[in-house]
Each structure stands twice: as structure tokens, then as C-alpha cells.
């Protein structure tokens, strides 16, 4: 086996391994941080208290 053939074979193996890794990777944006969790809880509390308005209400208030 020549060096070139050997390199090509190794690249094929690496490509296959990368495909497997991609399949099992976690999307970083889907992980909630403590800060995200606190913001979500604050939003839920504001909704519970009736402090939130719809985007349509906001547009009306802003005259948009």
C-alpha cells in the first residue's frame, strides 16, 4: 500500500467517524443555562400576574 493510498484510507475512516459524531452531538443552543432558567421563571411569573401583553397590543401602544 502506498503512502497516498494509506492517507486516503485514513481520511475515509475519519470521515465516517465524523458522521457518527455529528449524529450524536448535542445542539449547544438547546441546553438551558441557569440564567436561561431564571429568565424563563421570571417570564412565567409575569404571565401569571397578567403583566405580559401580546405583540399586537405592543404594536398598538407604539402606534405601529
C-alpha atoms as a PDB file:
ATOM      1  CA  UNK A   1       0.000   0.000   0.000  1.00  0.00           C
ATOM      2  CA  UNK A   2       1.440   3.352  -0.977  1.00  0.00           C
ATOM      3  CA  UNK A   3       1.550   6.312   1.368  1.00  0.00           C
ATOM      4  CA  UNK A   4      -1.078   8.077  -0.714  1.00  0.00           C
ATOM      5  CA  UNK A   5      -3.437   5.085  -0.573  1.00  0.00           C
ATOM      6  CA  UNK A   6      -2.871   4.821   3.164  1.00  0.00           C
ATOM      7  CA  UNK A   7      -3.701   8.511   3.670  1.00  0.00           C
ATOM      8  CA  UNK A   8      -6.867   8.198   1.589  1.00  0.00           C
ATOM      9  CA  UNK A   9      -7.965   5.184   3.625  1.00  0.00           C
ATOM     10  CA  UNK A  10      -7.355   7.065   6.881  1.00  0.00           C
ATOM     11  CA  UNK A  11      -9.341  10.035   5.578  1.00  0.00           C
ATOM     12  CA  UNK A  12     -12.274   7.732   4.776  1.00  0.00           C
ATOM     13  CA  UNK A  13     -12.188   6.399   8.329  1.00  0.00           C
ATOM     14  CA  UNK A  14     -12.053   9.928   9.760  1.00  0.00           C
ATOM     15  CA  UNK A  15     -14.979  10.988   7.565  1.00  0.00           C
ATOM     16  CA  UNK A  16     -17.048   8.037   8.775  1.00  0.00           C
ATOM     17  CA  UNK A  17     -16.190   8.817  12.406  1.00  0.00           C
ATOM     18  CA  UNK A  18     -17.162  12.471  11.939  1.00  0.00           C
ATOM     19  CA  UNK A  19     -20.520  11.412  10.553  1.00  0.00           C
ATOM     20  CA  UNK A  20     -21.173   9.343  13.679  1.00  0.00           C
ATOM     21  CA  UNK A  21     -20.033  12.171  15.953  1.00  0.00           C
ATOM     22  CA  UNK A  22     -22.379  14.637  14.225  1.00  0.00           C
ATOM     23  CA  UNK A  23     -25.320  12.274  14.722  1.00  0.00           C
ATOM     24  CA  UNK A  24     -24.773  12.228  18.488  1.00  0.00           C
ATOM     25  CA  UNK A  25     -23.736  15.843  19.043  1.00  0.00           C
ATOM     26  CA  UNK A  26     -25.904  17.947  21.325  1.00  0.00           C
ATOM     27  CA  UNK A  27     -27.001  21.301  19.975  1.00  0.00           C
ATOM     28  CA  UNK A  28     -25.451  23.796  22.385  1.00  0.00           C
ATOM     29  CA  UNK A  29     -28.375  26.165  21.889  1.00  0.00           C
ATOM     30  CA  UNK A  30     -30.781  23.538  23.208  1.00  0.00           C
ATOM     31  CA  UNK A  31     -29.142  23.437  26.650  1.00  0.00           C
ATOM     32  CA  UNK A  32     -30.656  25.772  29.231  1.00  0.00           C
ATOM     33  CA  UNK A  33     -28.209  27.635  31.401  1.00  0.00           C
ATOM     34  CA  UNK A  34     -29.038  28.725  34.930  1.00  0.00           C
ATOM     35  CA  UNK A  35     -29.510  32.241  33.549  1.00  0.00           C
ATOM     36  CA  UNK A  36     -31.945  30.946  30.903  1.00  0.00           C
ATOM     37  CA  UNK A  37     -33.884  29.045  33.560  1.00  0.00           C
ATOM     38  CA  UNK A  38     -34.176  32.132  35.794  1.00  0.00           C
ATOM     39  CA  UNK A  39     -35.364  34.257  32.852  1.00  0.00           C
ATOM     40  CA  UNK A  40     -37.974  31.620  31.990  1.00  0.00           C
ATOM     41  CA  UNK A  41     -39.201  31.521  35.572  1.00  0.00           C
ATOM     42  CA  UNK A  42     -39.431  35.333  35.675  1.00  0.00           C
ATOM     43  CA  UNK A  43     -41.413  35.304  32.437  1.00  0.00           C
ATOM     44  CA  UNK A  44     -43.779  32.653  33.779  1.00  0.00           C
ATOM     45  CA  UNK A  45     -44.292  34.700  36.953  1.00  0.00           C
ATOM     46  CA  UNK A  46     -45.049  37.851  34.930  1.00  0.00           C
ATOM     47  CA  UNK A  47     -47.523  35.887  32.816  1.00  0.00           C
ATOM     48  CA  UNK A  48     -49.178  34.504  35.940  1.00  0.00           C
ATOM     49  CA  UNK A  49     -49.550  38.044  37.302  1.00  0.00           C
ATOM     50  CA  UNK A  50     -51.012  39.249  34.000  1.00  0.00           C
ATOM     51  CA  UNK A  51     -48.139  41.648  33.305  1.00  0.00           C
ATOM     52  CA  UNK A  52     -47.453  40.421  29.778  1.00  0.00           C
ATOM     53  CA  UNK A  53     -49.056  41.826  26.640  1.00  0.00           C
ATOM     54  CA  UNK A  54     -49.261  40.428  23.142  1.00  0.00           C
ATOM     55  CA  UNK A  55     -47.105  41.692  20.296  1.00  0.00           C
ATOM     56  CA  UNK A  56     -50.294  43.089  18.744  1.00  0.00           C
ATOM     57  CA  UNK A  57     -51.032  45.075  21.907  1.00  0.00           C
ATOM     58  CA  UNK A  58     -47.461  46.395  21.931  1.00  0.00           C
ATOM     59  CA  UNK A  59     -47.707  47.477  18.286  1.00  0.00           C
ATOM     60  CA  UNK A  60     -50.958  49.273  19.051  1.00  0.00           C
ATOM     61  CA  UNK A  61     -49.386  51.082  22.017  1.00  0.00           C
ATOM     62  CA  UNK A  62     -46.395  52.089  19.892  1.00  0.00           C
ATOM     63  CA  UNK A  63     -48.618  53.142  17.005  1.00  0.00           C
ATOM     64  CA  UNK A  64     -47.048  50.697  14.612  1.00  0.00           C
END
